[in-house]
Amino acid sequence: PTTKKVCKLLTFDVDLTTNQKEVANHLKRFIRELDESKLQKF
């Protein structure tokens, strides 16, 4: 796993609300900040 590969795995519904889009961005940002050990845990 790499952060880029894991972010590409994420799939979301097409019609997200504004709040859901913001949380989806939080999730992607969270993944991008993970080190190798935490990425494996995720």
Full PDB file with SEQRES, HELIX, SHEET, SSBOND, CRYST1, ORIGX, SCALE, CONECT and MASTER records, all heavy atoms in Angstrom:
SEQRES   1 A   42  PRO THR THR LYS LYS VAL CYS LYS LEU LEU THR PHE ASP          
SEQRES   2 A   42  VAL ASP LEU THR THR ASN GLN LYS GLU VAL ALA ASN HIS          
SEQRES   3 A   42  LEU LYS ARG PHE ILE ARG GLU LEU ASP GLU SER LYS LEU          
SEQRES   4 A   42  GLN LYS PHE                                                  
HELIX    1 AA1 THR A    3  LEU A    9  1                                   7    
HELIX    2 AA2 THR A   18  ARG A   32  1                                  15    
HELIX    3 AA3 GLU A   36  LYS A   41  1                                   6    
CRYST1    1.000    1.000    1.000  90.00  90.00  90.00 P 1           1          
ORIGX1      1.000000  0.000000  0.000000        0.00000                         
ORIGX2      0.000000  1.000000  0.000000        0.00000                         
ORIGX3      0.000000  0.000000  1.000000        0.00000                         
SCALE1      1.000000  0.000000  0.000000        0.00000                         
SCALE2      0.000000  1.000000  0.000000        0.00000                         
SCALE3      0.000000  0.000000  1.000000        0.00000                         
ATOM      1  N   PRO A   1       0.817  -1.225   0.000  1.00  0.00           N  
ATOM      2  CA  PRO A   1       0.000   0.000   0.000  1.00  0.00           C  
ATOM      3  C   PRO A   1       0.847   1.270   0.000  1.00  0.00           C  
ATOM      4  O   PRO A   1       1.906   1.330   0.609  1.00  0.00           O  
ATOM      5  CB  PRO A   1      -0.796  -0.117   1.303  1.00  0.00           C  
ATOM      6  CG  PRO A   1       0.055  -0.946   2.198  1.00  0.00           C  
ATOM      7  CD  PRO A   1       0.798  -1.900   1.292  1.00  0.00           C  
ATOM      8  N   THR A   2       0.362   2.239  -0.727  1.00  0.00           N  
ATOM      9  CA  THR A   2       0.870   3.604  -0.641  1.00  0.00           C  
ATOM     10  C   THR A   2      -0.354   4.490  -0.435  1.00  0.00           C  
ATOM     11  O   THR A   2      -1.478   4.074  -0.733  1.00  0.00           O  
ATOM     12  CB  THR A   2       1.610   4.046  -1.922  1.00  0.00           C  
ATOM     13  OG1 THR A   2       0.675   4.071  -2.997  1.00  0.00           O  
ATOM     14  CG2 THR A   2       2.769   3.134  -2.248  1.00  0.00           C  
ATOM     15  N   THR A   3      -0.130   5.681   0.036  1.00  0.00           N  
ATOM     16  CA  THR A   3      -1.278   6.565   0.283  1.00  0.00           C  
ATOM     17  C   THR A   3      -2.020   6.861  -1.011  1.00  0.00           C  
ATOM     18  O   THR A   3      -3.251   6.920  -1.027  1.00  0.00           O  
ATOM     19  CB  THR A   3      -0.830   7.873   0.959  1.00  0.00           C  
ATOM     20  OG1 THR A   3       0.157   8.505   0.151  1.00  0.00           O  
ATOM     21  CG2 THR A   3      -0.254   7.608   2.335  1.00  0.00           C  
ATOM     22  N   LYS A   4      -1.288   7.001  -2.098  1.00  0.00           N  
ATOM     23  CA  LYS A   4      -1.916   7.298  -3.387  1.00  0.00           C  
ATOM     24  C   LYS A   4      -2.784   6.115  -3.850  1.00  0.00           C  
ATOM     25  O   LYS A   4      -3.914   6.301  -4.303  1.00  0.00           O  
ATOM     26  CB  LYS A   4      -0.824   7.590  -4.426  1.00  0.00           C  
ATOM     27  CG  LYS A   4      -1.321   8.168  -5.706  1.00  0.00           C  
ATOM     28  CD  LYS A   4      -0.149   8.509  -6.609  1.00  0.00           C  
ATOM     29  CE  LYS A   4      -0.392   9.857  -7.238  1.00  0.00           C  
ATOM     30  NZ  LYS A   4       0.705  10.301  -8.068  1.00  0.00           N  
ATOM     31  N   LYS A   5      -2.245   4.884  -3.727  1.00  0.00           N  
ATOM     32  CA  LYS A   5      -3.000   3.699  -4.133  1.00  0.00           C  
ATOM     33  C   LYS A   5      -4.267   3.536  -3.295  1.00  0.00           C  
ATOM     34  O   LYS A   5      -5.329   3.199  -3.816  1.00  0.00           O  
ATOM     35  CB  LYS A   5      -2.141   2.436  -4.000  1.00  0.00           C  
ATOM     36  CG  LYS A   5      -1.045   2.284  -5.006  1.00  0.00           C  
ATOM     37  CD  LYS A   5      -0.288   0.983  -4.719  1.00  0.00           C  
ATOM     38  CE  LYS A   5       0.946   0.803  -5.531  1.00  0.00           C  
ATOM     39  NZ  LYS A   5       1.668  -0.434  -5.156  1.00  0.00           N  
ATOM     40  N   VAL A   6      -4.147   3.762  -1.989  1.00  0.00           N  
ATOM     41  CA  VAL A   6      -5.297   3.587  -1.099  1.00  0.00           C  
ATOM     42  C   VAL A   6      -6.362   4.643  -1.395  1.00  0.00           C  
ATOM     43  O   VAL A   6      -7.555   4.338  -1.414  1.00  0.00           O  
ATOM     44  CB  VAL A   6      -4.862   3.604   0.385  1.00  0.00           C  
ATOM     45  CG1 VAL A   6      -6.063   3.590   1.307  1.00  0.00           C  
ATOM     46  CG2 VAL A   6      -3.960   2.406   0.683  1.00  0.00           C  
ATOM     47  N   CYS A   7      -5.948   5.868  -1.640  1.00  0.00           N  
ATOM     48  CA  CYS A   7      -6.931   6.912  -1.983  1.00  0.00           C  
ATOM     49  C   CYS A   7      -7.677   6.552  -3.269  1.00  0.00           C  
ATOM     50  O   CYS A   7      -8.870   6.838  -3.395  1.00  0.00           O  
ATOM     51  CB  CYS A   7      -6.248   8.275  -2.131  1.00  0.00           C  
ATOM     52  SG  CYS A   7      -5.891   9.062  -0.543  1.00  0.00           S  
ATOM     53  N   LYS A   8      -6.992   5.931  -4.217  1.00  0.00           N  
ATOM     54  CA  LYS A   8      -7.644   5.525  -5.470  1.00  0.00           C  
ATOM     55  C   LYS A   8      -8.652   4.394  -5.254  1.00  0.00           C  
ATOM     56  O   LYS A   8      -9.544   4.201  -6.068  1.00  0.00           O  
ATOM     57  CB  LYS A   8      -6.600   5.103  -6.502  1.00  0.00           C  
ATOM     58  CG  LYS A   8      -5.857   6.263  -7.119  1.00  0.00           C  
ATOM     59  CD  LYS A   8      -4.891   5.794  -8.179  1.00  0.00           C  
ATOM     60  CE  LYS A   8      -4.150   6.970  -8.787  1.00  0.00           C  
ATOM     61  NZ  LYS A   8      -3.193   6.550  -9.819  1.00  0.00           N  
ATOM     62  N   LEU A   9      -8.494   3.634  -4.169  1.00  0.00           N  
ATOM     63  CA  LEU A   9      -9.431   2.547  -3.880  1.00  0.00           C  
ATOM     64  C   LEU A   9     -10.791   3.054  -3.408  1.00  0.00           C  
ATOM     65  O   LEU A   9     -11.798   2.362  -3.554  1.00  0.00           O  
ATOM     66  CB  LEU A   9      -8.863   1.625  -2.789  1.00  0.00           C  
ATOM     67  CG  LEU A   9      -7.635   0.793  -3.111  1.00  0.00           C  
ATOM     68  CD1 LEU A   9      -7.199   0.018  -1.872  1.00  0.00           C  
ATOM     69  CD2 LEU A   9      -7.902  -0.151  -4.259  1.00  0.00           C  
ATOM     70  N   LEU A  10     -10.820   4.246  -2.834  1.00  0.00           N  
ATOM     71  CA  LEU A  10     -12.055   4.771  -2.245  1.00  0.00           C  
ATOM     72  C   LEU A  10     -13.100   5.045  -3.314  1.00  0.00           C  
ATOM     73  O   LEU A  10     -12.818   5.693  -4.321  1.00  0.00           O  
ATOM     74  CB  LEU A  10     -11.774   6.054  -1.467  1.00  0.00           C  
ATOM     75  CG  LEU A  10     -10.764   5.960  -0.328  1.00  0.00           C  
ATOM     76  CD1 LEU A  10     -10.546   7.326   0.293  1.00  0.00           C  
ATOM     77  CD2 LEU A  10     -11.181   4.945   0.705  1.00  0.00           C  
ATOM     78  N   THR A  11     -14.309   4.531  -3.083  1.00  0.00           N  
ATOM     79  CA  THR A  11     -15.433   4.831  -3.977  1.00  0.00           C  
ATOM     80  C   THR A  11     -16.568   5.397  -3.140  1.00  0.00           C  
ATOM     81  O   THR A  11     -16.841   4.922  -2.038  1.00  0.00           O  
ATOM     82  CB  THR A  11     -15.920   3.581  -4.744  1.00  0.00           C  
ATOM     83  OG1 THR A  11     -16.318   2.589  -3.809  1.00  0.00           O  
ATOM     84  CG2 THR A  11     -14.847   3.038  -5.656  1.00  0.00           C  
ATOM     85  N   PHE A  12     -17.216   6.405  -3.679  1.00  0.00           N  
ATOM     86  CA  PHE A  12     -18.301   7.100  -2.985  1.00  0.00           C  
ATOM     87  C   PHE A  12     -19.524   7.088  -3.884  1.00  0.00           C  
ATOM     88  O   PHE A  12     -19.419   6.898  -5.101  1.00  0.00           O  
ATOM     89  CB  PHE A  12     -17.905   8.560  -2.701  1.00  0.00           C  
ATOM     90  CG  PHE A  12     -16.659   8.713  -1.891  1.00  0.00           C  
ATOM     91  CD1 PHE A  12     -15.417   8.857  -2.514  1.00  0.00           C  
ATOM     92  CD2 PHE A  12     -16.697   8.724  -0.514  1.00  0.00           C  
ATOM     93  CE1 PHE A  12     -14.257   9.004  -1.771  1.00  0.00           C  
ATOM     94  CE2 PHE A  12     -15.551   8.872   0.244  1.00  0.00           C  
ATOM     95  CZ  PHE A  12     -14.330   9.011  -0.391  1.00  0.00           C  
ATOM     96  N   ASP A  13     -20.674   7.332  -3.286  1.00  0.00           N  
ATOM     97  CA  ASP A  13     -21.884   7.537  -4.078  1.00  0.00           C  
ATOM     98  C   ASP A  13     -21.698   8.778  -4.949  1.00  0.00           C  
ATOM     99  O   ASP A  13     -20.922   9.675  -4.605  1.00  0.00           O  
ATOM    100  CB  ASP A  13     -23.104   7.722  -3.178  1.00  0.00           C  
ATOM    101  CG  ASP A  13     -23.560   6.404  -2.548  1.00  0.00           C  
ATOM    102  OD1 ASP A  13     -23.290   5.341  -3.132  1.00  0.00           O  
ATOM    103  OD2 ASP A  13     -24.181   6.458  -1.470  1.00  0.00           O  
ATOM    104  N   VAL A  14     -22.438   8.848  -6.036  1.00  0.00           N  
ATOM    105  CA  VAL A  14     -22.313   9.972  -6.963  1.00  0.00           C  
ATOM    106  C   VAL A  14     -22.919  11.243  -6.390  1.00  0.00           C  
ATOM    107  O   VAL A  14     -22.356  12.330  -6.517  1.00  0.00           O  
ATOM    108  CB  VAL A  14     -22.978   9.624  -8.316  1.00  0.00           C  
ATOM    109  CG1 VAL A  14     -22.884  10.789  -9.273  1.00  0.00           C  
ATOM    110  CG2 VAL A  14     -22.342   8.380  -8.905  1.00  0.00           C  
ATOM    111  N   ASP A  15     -24.044  11.124  -5.738  1.00  0.00           N  
ATOM    112  CA  ASP A  15     -24.781  12.298  -5.251  1.00  0.00           C  
ATOM    113  C   ASP A  15     -24.527  12.546  -3.768  1.00  0.00           C  
ATOM    114  O   ASP A  15     -25.359  12.256  -2.932  1.00  0.00           O  
ATOM    115  CB  ASP A  15     -26.273  12.142  -5.531  1.00  0.00           C  
ATOM    116  CG  ASP A  15     -26.825  10.840  -4.954  1.00  0.00           C  
ATOM    117  OD1 ASP A  15     -26.026   9.903  -4.726  1.00  0.00           O  
ATOM    118  OD2 ASP A  15     -28.044  10.772  -4.717  1.00  0.00           O  
ATOM    119  N   LEU A  16     -23.367  13.128  -3.470  1.00  0.00           N  
ATOM    120  CA  LEU A  16     -23.015  13.421  -2.079  1.00  0.00           C  
ATOM    121  C   LEU A  16     -23.486  14.815  -1.707  1.00  0.00           C  
ATOM    122  O   LEU A  16     -23.461  15.742  -2.525  1.00  0.00           O  
ATOM    123  CB  LEU A  16     -21.503  13.342  -1.880  1.00  0.00           C  
ATOM    124  CG  LEU A  16     -20.836  11.984  -2.091  1.00  0.00           C  
ATOM    125  CD1 LEU A  16     -19.335  12.106  -1.870  1.00  0.00           C  
ATOM    126  CD2 LEU A  16     -21.417  10.931  -1.171  1.00  0.00           C  
ATOM    127  N   THR A  17     -23.903  14.955  -0.455  1.00  0.00           N  
ATOM    128  CA  THR A  17     -24.261  16.278   0.059  1.00  0.00           C  
ATOM    129  C   THR A  17     -22.977  17.070   0.305  1.00  0.00           C  
ATOM    130  O   THR A  17     -21.872  16.523   0.256  1.00  0.00           O  
ATOM    131  CB  THR A  17     -25.039  16.158   1.377  1.00  0.00           C  
ATOM    132  OG1 THR A  17     -24.164  15.618   2.383  1.00  0.00           O  
ATOM    133  CG2 THR A  17     -26.279  15.287   1.225  1.00  0.00           C  
ATOM    134  N   THR A  18     -23.118  18.324   0.611  1.00  0.00           N  
ATOM    135  CA  THR A  18     -21.963  19.183   0.885  1.00  0.00           C  
ATOM    136  C   THR A  18     -21.173  18.656   2.081  1.00  0.00           C  
ATOM    137  O   THR A  18     -19.940  18.588   2.042  1.00  0.00           O  
ATOM    138  CB  THR A  18     -22.421  20.631   1.148  1.00  0.00           C  
ATOM    139  OG1 THR A  18     -23.222  21.061   0.051  1.00  0.00           O  
ATOM    140  CG2 THR A  18     -21.236  21.554   1.309  1.00  0.00           C  
ATOM    141  N   ASN A  19     -21.895  18.275   3.146  1.00  0.00           N  
ATOM    142  CA  ASN A  19     -21.227  17.721   4.331  1.00  0.00           C  
ATOM    143  C   ASN A  19     -20.489  16.431   3.993  1.00  0.00           C  
ATOM    144  O   ASN A  19     -19.363  16.209   4.453  1.00  0.00           O  
ATOM    145  CB  ASN A  19     -22.237  17.456   5.449  1.00  0.00           C  
ATOM    146  CG  ASN A  19     -22.677  18.707   6.152  1.00  0.00           C  
ATOM    147  OD1 ASN A  19     -22.081  19.760   5.978  1.00  0.00           O  
ATOM    148  ND2 ASN A  19     -23.736  18.601   6.937  1.00  0.00           N  
ATOM    149  N   GLN A  20     -21.113  15.567   3.212  1.00  0.00           N  
ATOM    150  CA  GLN A  20     -20.489  14.295   2.857  1.00  0.00           C  
ATOM    151  C   GLN A  20     -19.243  14.519   2.002  1.00  0.00           C  
ATOM    152  O   GLN A  20     -18.244  13.825   2.176  1.00  0.00           O  
ATOM    153  CB  GLN A  20     -21.493  13.401   2.132  1.00  0.00           C  
ATOM    154  CG  GLN A  20     -22.596  12.904   3.043  1.00  0.00           C  
ATOM    155  CD  GLN A  20     -23.710  12.178   2.295  1.00  0.00           C  
ATOM    156  OE1 GLN A  20     -23.863  12.307   1.079  1.00  0.00           O  
ATOM    157  NE2 GLN A  20     -24.508  11.417   3.042  1.00  0.00           N  
ATOM    158  N   LYS A  21     -19.284  15.483   1.089  1.00  0.00           N  
ATOM    159  CA  LYS A  21     -18.099  15.800   0.289  1.00  0.00           C  
ATOM    160  C   LYS A  21     -16.963  16.287   1.176  1.00  0.00           C  
ATOM    161  O   LYS A  21     -15.802  15.934   0.975  1.00  0.00           O  
ATOM    162  CB  LYS A  21     -18.438  16.871  -0.759  1.00  0.00           C  
ATOM    163  CG  LYS A  21     -19.260  16.352  -1.912  1.00  0.00           C  
ATOM    164  CD  LYS A  21     -19.582  17.462  -2.881  1.00  0.00           C  
ATOM    165  CE  LYS A  21     -20.532  16.968  -3.971  1.00  0.00           C  
ATOM    166  NZ  LYS A  21     -20.958  18.047  -4.869  1.00  0.00           N  
ATOM    167  N   GLU A  22     -17.315  17.093   2.176  1.00  0.00           N  
ATOM    168  CA  GLU A  22     -16.295  17.601   3.094  1.00  0.00           C  
ATOM    169  C   GLU A  22     -15.673  16.454   3.899  1.00  0.00           C  
ATOM    170  O   GLU A  22     -14.455  16.386   4.057  1.00  0.00           O  
ATOM    171  CB  GLU A  22     -16.905  18.641   4.040  1.00  0.00           C  
ATOM    172  CG  GLU A  22     -15.894  19.303   4.933  1.00  0.00           C  
ATOM    173  CD  GLU A  22     -16.511  20.370   5.827  1.00  0.00           C  
ATOM    174  OE1 GLU A  22     -17.608  20.869   5.500  1.00  0.00           O  
ATOM    175  OE2 GLU A  22     -15.881  20.686   6.848  1.00  0.00           O  
ATOM    176  N   VAL A  23     -16.505  15.531   4.382  1.00  0.00           N  
ATOM    177  CA  VAL A  23     -15.990  14.386   5.136  1.00  0.00           C  
ATOM    178  C   VAL A  23     -15.168  13.472   4.222  1.00  0.00           C  
ATOM    179  O   VAL A  23     -14.139  12.922   4.640  1.00  0.00           O  
ATOM    180  CB  VAL A  23     -17.141  13.620   5.831  1.00  0.00           C  
ATOM    181  CG1 VAL A  23     -16.629  12.356   6.499  1.00  0.00           C  
ATOM    182  CG2 VAL A  23     -17.822  14.511   6.859  1.00  0.00           C  
ATOM    183  N   ALA A  24     -15.584  13.308   2.969  1.00  0.00           N  
ATOM    184  CA  ALA A  24     -14.805  12.516   2.014  1.00  0.00           C  
ATOM    185  C   ALA A  24     -13.420  13.134   1.823  1.00  0.00           C  
ATOM    186  O   ALA A  24     -12.410  12.410   1.761  1.00  0.00           O  
ATOM    187  CB  ALA A  24     -15.541  12.427   0.676  1.00  0.00           C  
ATOM    188  N   ASN A  25     -13.357  14.446   1.762  1.00  0.00           N  
ATOM    189  CA  ASN A  25     -12.064  15.134   1.660  1.00  0.00           C  
ATOM    190  C   ASN A  25     -11.237  14.951   2.926  1.00  0.00           C  
ATOM    191  O   ASN A  25     -10.018  14.794   2.864  1.00  0.00           O  
ATOM    192  CB  ASN A  25     -12.253  16.615   1.357  1.00  0.00           C  
ATOM    193  CG  ASN A  25     -12.725  16.843  -0.059  1.00  0.00           C  
ATOM    194  OD1 ASN A  25     -12.458  16.039  -0.948  1.00  0.00           O  
ATOM    195  ND2 ASN A  25     -13.451  17.930  -0.278  1.00  0.00           N  
ATOM    196  N   HIS A  26     -11.912  14.963   4.089  1.00  0.00           N  
ATOM    197  CA  HIS A  26     -11.207  14.683   5.354  1.00  0.00           C  
ATOM    198  C   HIS A  26     -10.591  13.289   5.305  1.00  0.00           C  
ATOM    199  O   HIS A  26      -9.447  13.091   5.730  1.00  0.00           O  
ATOM    200  CB  HIS A  26     -12.150  14.762   6.546  1.00  0.00           C  
ATOM    201  CG  HIS A  26     -12.627  16.138   6.898  1.00  0.00           C  
ATOM    202  ND1 HIS A  26     -11.963  17.294   6.564  1.00  0.00           N  
ATOM    203  CD2 HIS A  26     -13.739  16.548   7.582  1.00  0.00           C  
ATOM    204  CE1 HIS A  26     -12.612  18.347   7.021  1.00  0.00           C  
ATOM    205  NE2 HIS A  26     -13.710  17.914   7.638  1.00  0.00           N  
ATOM    206  N   LEU A  27     -11.350  12.313   4.818  1.00  0.00           N  
ATOM    207  CA  LEU A  27     -10.867  10.936   4.754  1.00  0.00           C  
ATOM    208  C   LEU A  27      -9.641  10.837   3.840  1.00  0.00           C  
ATOM    209  O   LEU A  27      -8.636  10.216   4.197  1.00  0.00           O  
ATOM    210  CB  LEU A  27     -11.972   9.992   4.271  1.00  0.00           C  
ATOM    211  CG  LEU A  27     -11.585   8.523   4.085  1.00  0.00           C  
ATOM    212  CD1 LEU A  27     -11.140   7.906   5.409  1.00  0.00           C  
ATOM    213  CD2 LEU A  27     -12.763   7.739   3.498  1.00  0.00           C  
ATOM    214  N   LYS A  28      -9.706  11.440   2.674  1.00  0.00           N  
ATOM    215  CA  LYS A  28      -8.564  11.407   1.752  1.00  0.00           C  
ATOM    216  C   LYS A  28      -7.346  12.100   2.355  1.00  0.00           C  
ATOM    217  O   LYS A  28      -6.218  11.592   2.249  1.00  0.00           O  
ATOM    218  CB  LYS A  28      -8.942  12.058   0.424  1.00  0.00           C  
ATOM    219  CG  LYS A  28      -9.938  11.249  -0.383  1.00  0.00           C  
ATOM    220  CD  LYS A  28     -10.360  12.000  -1.629  1.00  0.00           C  
ATOM    221  CE  LYS A  28     -11.466  11.275  -2.364  1.00  0.00           C  
ATOM    222  NZ  LYS A  28     -11.971  12.047  -3.510  1.00  0.00           N  
ATOM    223  N   ARG A  29      -7.569  13.227   2.999  1.00  0.00           N  
ATOM    224  CA  ARG A  29      -6.459  13.938   3.646  1.00  0.00           C  
ATOM    225  C   ARG A  29      -5.871  13.094   4.769  1.00  0.00           C  
ATOM    226  O   ARG A  29      -4.645  13.020   4.919  1.00  0.00           O  
ATOM    227  CB  ARG A  29      -6.957  15.283   4.196  1.00  0.00           C  
ATOM    228  CG  ARG A  29      -5.893  16.084   4.893  1.00  0.00           C  
ATOM    229  CD  ARG A  29      -6.419  17.417   5.370  1.00  0.00           C  
ATOM    230  NE  ARG A  29      -5.438  18.096   6.200  1.00  0.00           N  
ATOM    231  CZ  ARG A  29      -5.708  19.168   6.916  1.00  0.00           C  
ATOM    232  NH1 ARG A  29      -6.909  19.733   6.877  1.00  0.00           N  
ATOM    233  NH2 ARG A  29      -4.765  19.724   7.662  1.00  0.00           N  
ATOM    234  N   PHE A  30      -6.745  12.455   5.541  1.00  0.00           N  
ATOM    235  CA  PHE A  30      -6.292  11.584   6.629  1.00  0.00           C  
ATOM    236  C   PHE A  30      -5.401  10.474   6.077  1.00  0.00           C  
ATOM    237  O   PHE A  30      -4.326  10.205   6.613  1.00  0.00           O  
ATOM    238  CB  PHE A  30      -7.512  10.999   7.352  1.00  0.00           C  
ATOM    239  CG  PHE A  30      -7.172   9.980   8.390  1.00  0.00           C  
ATOM    240  CD1 PHE A  30      -6.623  10.354   9.608  1.00  0.00           C  
ATOM    241  CD2 PHE A  30      -7.391   8.630   8.155  1.00  0.00           C  
ATOM    242  CE1 PHE A  30      -6.307   9.405  10.570  1.00  0.00           C  
ATOM    243  CE2 PHE A  30      -7.079   7.679   9.113  1.00  0.00           C  
ATOM    244  CZ  PHE A  30      -6.535   8.068  10.316  1.00  0.00           C  
ATOM    245  N   ILE A  31      -5.826   9.843   4.995  1.00  0.00           N  
ATOM    246  CA  ILE A  31      -5.053   8.752   4.406  1.00  0.00           C  
ATOM    247  C   ILE A  31      -3.709   9.271   3.895  1.00  0.00           C  
ATOM    248  O   ILE A  31      -2.674   8.625   4.093  1.00  0.00           O  
ATOM    249  CB  ILE A  31      -5.851   8.064   3.278  1.00  0.00           C  
ATOM    250  CG1 ILE A  31      -7.044   7.317   3.875  1.00  0.00           C  
ATOM    251  CG2 ILE A  31      -4.971   7.115   2.469  1.00  0.00           C  
ATOM    252  CD1 ILE A  31      -8.041   6.803   2.855  1.00  0.00           C  
ATOM    253  N   ARG A  32      -3.698  10.412   3.235  1.00  0.00           N  
ATOM    254  CA  ARG A  32      -2.450  10.966   2.701  1.00  0.00           C  
ATOM    255  C   ARG A  32      -1.435  11.274   3.800  1.00  0.00           C  
ATOM    256  O   ARG A  32      -0.233  11.265   3.542  1.00  0.00           O  
ATOM    257  CB  ARG A  32      -2.735  12.225   1.882  1.00  0.00           C  
ATOM    258  CG  ARG A  32      -3.325  11.934   0.516  1.00  0.00           C  
ATOM    259  CD  ARG A  32      -3.324  13.173  -0.366  1.00  0.00           C  
ATOM    260  NE  ARG A  32      -4.124  14.261   0.174  1.00  0.00           N  
ATOM    261  CZ  ARG A  32      -5.396  14.494  -0.111  1.00  0.00           C  
ATOM    262  NH1 ARG A  32      -6.034  13.698  -0.945  1.00  0.00           N  
ATOM    263  NH2 ARG A  32      -6.031  15.508   0.427  1.00  0.00           N  
ATOM    264  N   GLU A  33      -1.902  11.535   5.015  1.00  0.00           N  
ATOM    265  CA  GLU A  33      -1.000  11.869   6.122  1.00  0.00           C  
ATOM    266  C   GLU A  33      -0.502  10.645   6.897  1.00  0.00           C  
ATOM    267  O   GLU A  33       0.346  10.779   7.774  1.00  0.00           O  
ATOM    268  CB  GLU A  33      -1.698  12.824   7.093  1.00  0.00           C  
ATOM    269  CG  GLU A  33      -1.950  14.197   6.532  1.00  0.00           C  
ATOM    270  CD  GLU A  33      -2.623  15.133   7.522  1.00  0.00           C  
ATOM    271  OE1 GLU A  33      -2.898  14.714   8.669  1.00  0.00           O  
ATOM    272  OE2 GLU A  33      -2.880  16.292   7.149  1.00  0.00           O  
ATOM    273  N   LEU A  34      -1.011   9.456   6.578  1.00  0.00           N  
ATOM    274  CA  LEU A  34      -0.640   8.260   7.335  1.00  0.00           C  
ATOM    275  C   LEU A  34       0.766   7.781   6.984  1.00  0.00           C  
ATOM    276  O   LEU A  34       1.181   7.819   5.828  1.00  0.00           O  
ATOM    277  CB  LEU A  34      -1.632   7.126   7.057  1.00  0.00           C  
ATOM    278  CG  LEU A  34      -3.065   7.331   7.534  1.00  0.00           C  
ATOM    279  CD1 LEU A  34      -3.943   6.169   7.101  1.00  0.00           C  
ATOM    280  CD2 LEU A  34      -3.104   7.493   9.049  1.00  0.00           C  
ATOM    281  N   ASP A  35       1.485   7.308   8.007  1.00  0.00           N  
ATOM    282  CA  ASP A  35       2.762   6.656   7.736  1.00  0.00           C  
ATOM    283  C   ASP A  35       2.487   5.205   7.329  1.00  0.00           C  
ATOM    284  O   ASP A  35       1.334   4.759   7.320  1.00  0.00           O  
ATOM    285  CB  ASP A  35       3.696   6.736   8.948  1.00  0.00           C  
ATOM    286  CG  ASP A  35       3.148   6.036  10.189  1.00  0.00           C  
ATOM    287  OD1 ASP A  35       2.209   5.232  10.071  1.00  0.00           O  
ATOM    288  OD2 ASP A  35       3.667   6.301  11.285  1.00  0.00           O  
ATOM    289  N   GLU A  36       3.521   4.478   6.990  1.00  0.00           N  
ATOM    290  CA  GLU A  36       3.357   3.116   6.468  1.00  0.00           C  
ATOM    291  C   GLU A  36       2.630   2.202   7.454  1.00  0.00           C  
ATOM    292  O   GLU A  36       1.728   1.446   7.082  1.00  0.00           O  
ATOM    293  CB  GLU A  36       4.726   2.522   6.126  1.00  0.00           C  
ATOM    294  CG  GLU A  36       4.666   1.164   5.479  1.00  0.00           C  
ATOM    295  CD  GLU A  36       6.040   0.621   5.119  1.00  0.00           C  
ATOM    296  OE1 GLU A  36       6.970   1.437   4.903  1.00  0.00           O  
ATOM    297  OE2 GLU A  36       6.182  -0.598   5.068  1.00  0.00           O  
ATOM    298  N   SER A  37       2.983   2.275   8.719  1.00  0.00           N  
ATOM    299  CA  SER A  37       2.371   1.424   9.738  1.00  0.00           C  
ATOM    300  C   SER A  37       0.876   1.718   9.896  1.00  0.00           C  
ATOM    301  O   SER A  37       0.048   0.808   9.935  1.00  0.00           O  
ATOM    302  CB  SER A  37       3.096   1.635  11.070  1.00  0.00           C  
ATOM    303  OG  SER A  37       2.420   0.979  12.109  1.00  0.00           O  
ATOM    304  N   LYS A  38       0.540   2.994  10.000  1.00  0.00           N  
ATOM    305  CA  LYS A  38      -0.869   3.368  10.153  1.00  0.00           C  
ATOM    306  C   LYS A  38      -1.664   3.076   8.885  1.00  0.00           C  
ATOM    307  O   LYS A  38      -2.839   2.737   8.948  1.00  0.00           O  
ATOM    308  CB  LYS A  38      -0.985   4.854  10.497  1.00  0.00           C  
ATOM    309  CG  LYS A  38      -0.664   5.173  11.933  1.00  0.00           C  
ATOM    310  CD  LYS A  38      -1.923   5.498  12.696  1.00  0.00           C  
ATOM    311  CE  LYS A  38      -1.654   5.802  14.134  1.00  0.00           C  
ATOM    312  NZ  LYS A  38      -1.342   7.174  14.418  1.00  0.00           N  
ATOM    313  N   LEU A  39      -1.027   3.207   7.730  1.00  0.00           N  
ATOM    314  CA  LEU A  39      -1.699   2.898   6.476  1.00  0.00           C  
ATOM    315  C   LEU A  39      -2.077   1.419   6.425  1.00  0.00           C  
ATOM    316  O   LEU A  39      -3.175   1.064   6.006  1.00  0.00           O  
ATOM    317  CB  LEU A  39      -0.812   3.273   5.287  1.00  0.00           C  
ATOM    318  CG  LEU A  39      -1.442   3.179   3.909  1.00  0.00           C  
ATOM    319  CD1 LEU A  39      -2.639   4.107   3.790  1.00  0.00           C  
ATOM    320  CD2 LEU A  39      -0.412   3.503   2.833  1.00  0.00           C  
ATOM    321  N   GLN A  40      -1.174   0.573   6.893  1.00  0.00           N  
ATOM    322  CA  GLN A  40      -1.480  -0.859   6.963  1.00  0.00           C  
ATOM    323  C   GLN A  40      -2.612  -1.120   7.944  1.00  0.00           C  
ATOM    324  O   GLN A  40      -3.488  -1.949   7.682  1.00  0.00           O  
ATOM    325  CB  GLN A  40      -0.232  -1.654   7.355  1.00  0.00           C  
ATOM    326  CG  GLN A  40       0.788  -1.718   6.255  1.00  0.00           C  
ATOM    327  CD  GLN A  40       2.056  -2.423   6.670  1.00  0.00           C  
ATOM    328  OE1 GLN A  40       2.374  -2.546   7.857  1.00  0.00           O  
ATOM    329  NE2 GLN A  40       2.811  -2.889   5.692  1.00  0.00           N  
ATOM    330  N   LYS A  41      -2.638  -0.409   9.068  1.00  0.00           N  
ATOM    331  CA  LYS A  41      -3.729  -0.552  10.026  1.00  0.00           C  
ATOM    332  C   LYS A  41      -5.055  -0.107   9.419  1.00  0.00           C  
ATOM    333  O   LYS A  41      -6.090  -0.737   9.632  1.00  0.00           O  
ATOM    334  CB  LYS A  41      -3.453   0.249  11.307  1.00  0.00           C  
ATOM    335  CG  LYS A  41      -2.446  -0.391  12.226  1.00  0.00           C  
ATOM    336  CD  LYS A  41      -2.289   0.422  13.492  1.00  0.00           C  
ATOM    337  CE  LYS A  41      -1.319  -0.242  14.448  1.00  0.00           C  
ATOM    338  NZ  LYS A  41      -1.240   0.468  15.723  1.00  0.00           N  
ATOM    339  N   PHE A  42      -5.013   0.982   8.658  1.00  0.00           N  
ATOM    340  CA  PHE A  42      -6.229   1.454   7.993  1.00  0.00           C  
ATOM    341  C   PHE A  42      -6.739   0.391   7.024  1.00  0.00           C  
ATOM    342  O   PHE A  42      -7.933   0.071   7.015  1.00  0.00           O  
ATOM    343  CB  PHE A  42      -5.951   2.764   7.253  1.00  0.00           C  
ATOM    344  CG  PHE A  42      -7.129   3.246   6.447  1.00  0.00           C  
ATOM    345  CD1 PHE A  42      -8.149   3.953   7.055  1.00  0.00           C  
ATOM    346  CD2 PHE A  42      -7.222   2.969   5.090  1.00  0.00           C  
ATOM    347  CE1 PHE A  42      -9.249   4.386   6.320  1.00  0.00           C  
ATOM    348  CE2 PHE A  42      -8.318   3.394   4.353  1.00  0.00           C  
ATOM    349  CZ  PHE A  42      -9.329   4.106   4.970  1.00  0.00           C  
TER     350      PHE A  42                                                      
MASTER        0    0    0    3    0    0    0    6  349    1    0    4          
END                                                                             
